[in-house]
Amino acid sequence: MTCRMPNHSSNNTHICSLCNHVGRQDEVAFVSPVCKTSNSGEGAYKSIGFYICLDSKKCNEQIVSTEKLERILKNVNNIK
């Protein structure tokens, strides 16, 4: 799995999908993980997008449940 972080400017606030922290673009950024799918065909990749904190240590400290993280990982990795 790899992640892309688009470089765009915005004064809007965003909510981290993991810890629910609300922050500006320099605190919470959009990421788009790209993973191979179970389909063996060429170009069989899947991508989803969500917002996460840029400070992973602070984010980890603010997480009260791993349910959202588990849901994202299952979705990206195509696990039922």
Protein backbone atom coordinates (compact mmCIF):
# COMPACT_ATOMS: atom_id res chain seq x y z
CA MET A 1 0.00 0.00 0.00
CA THR A 2 1.28 3.45 -0.86
CA CYS A 3 -0.23 6.85 -0.11
CA ARG A 4 -0.40 10.04 -2.10
CA MET A 5 -0.81 13.42 -0.45
CA PRO A 6 -2.02 15.99 -2.99
CA ASN A 7 -0.43 19.39 -2.63
CA HIS A 8 -3.19 21.97 -2.58
CA SER A 9 -3.89 25.07 -0.56
CA SER A 10 -7.06 25.64 1.37
CA ASN A 11 -8.15 27.68 4.36
CA ASN A 12 -10.84 25.12 5.20
CA THR A 13 -10.71 22.91 8.24
CA HIS A 14 -10.70 19.13 7.92
CA ILE A 15 -11.53 16.25 10.29
CA CYS A 16 -9.07 13.39 10.82
CA SER A 17 -10.71 10.05 9.98
CA LEU A 18 -8.85 8.31 12.79
CA CYS A 19 -9.04 10.59 15.83
CA ASN A 20 -11.71 13.16 14.80
CA HIS A 21 -9.30 16.09 15.33
CA VAL A 22 -10.45 19.21 13.46
CA GLY A 23 -7.59 21.17 11.95
CA ARG A 24 -6.32 23.32 9.10
CA GLN A 25 -4.43 21.96 6.07
CA ASP A 26 -1.12 22.16 7.98
CA GLU A 27 -2.58 19.84 10.66
CA VAL A 28 -4.96 17.50 8.80
CA ALA A 29 -4.33 16.46 5.19
CA PHE A 30 -6.07 14.42 2.53
CA VAL A 31 -4.37 11.11 1.69
CA SER A 32 -5.20 8.58 -0.98
CA PRO A 33 -3.86 5.04 -0.40
CA VAL A 34 -3.33 2.99 -3.55
CA CYS A 35 -3.34 -0.81 -3.23
CA LYS A 36 -3.29 -3.77 -5.57
CA THR A 37 -6.64 -5.52 -5.67
CA SER A 38 -7.29 -9.25 -5.58
CA ASN A 39 -8.02 -9.02 -9.32
CA SER A 40 -4.87 -10.29 -11.03
CA GLY A 41 -5.38 -8.18 -14.16
CA GLU A 42 -2.89 -5.51 -15.15
CA GLY A 43 -3.67 -2.15 -13.59
CA ALA A 44 -5.84 -3.69 -10.88
CA TYR A 45 -5.47 -1.03 -8.21
CA LYS A 46 -7.89 0.48 -5.72
CA SER A 47 -7.73 3.94 -4.18
CA ILE A 48 -9.79 5.61 -1.47
CA GLY A 49 -9.34 9.02 0.09
CA PHE A 50 -9.64 10.34 3.61
CA TYR A 51 -8.17 12.96 5.95
CA ILE A 52 -5.55 12.19 8.62
CA CYS A 53 -3.46 14.21 11.06
CA LEU A 54 0.05 15.08 9.86
CA ASP A 55 1.39 14.65 13.41
CA SER A 56 1.03 10.87 13.83
CA LYS A 57 2.21 10.88 17.46
CA LYS A 58 -0.45 13.42 18.46
CA CYS A 59 -3.07 11.56 16.40
CA ASN A 60 -2.23 8.25 18.08
CA GLU A 61 -2.61 9.88 21.50
CA GLN A 62 -6.08 11.21 20.53
CA ILE A 63 -7.46 7.91 19.20
CA VAL A 64 -10.06 6.44 21.55
CA SER A 65 -11.14 3.54 19.30
CA THR A 66 -9.39 1.59 16.53
CA GLU A 67 -12.69 0.86 14.78
CA LYS A 68 -12.25 3.56 12.10
CA LEU A 69 -8.65 2.54 11.39
CA GLU A 70 -9.69 -1.11 11.08
CA ARG A 71 -12.53 -0.15 8.71
CA ILE A 72 -10.18 1.87 6.49
CA LEU A 73 -7.59 -0.93 6.36
CA LYS A 74 -10.26 -3.51 5.52
CA ASN A 75 -11.66 -1.27 2.78
CA VAL A 76 -8.26 -0.53 1.24
CA ASN A 77 -7.18 -4.18 1.39
CA ASN A 78 -10.55 -5.50 0.18
CA ILE A 79 -11.22 -7.59 3.32
CA LYS A 80 -14.84 -8.39 4.19
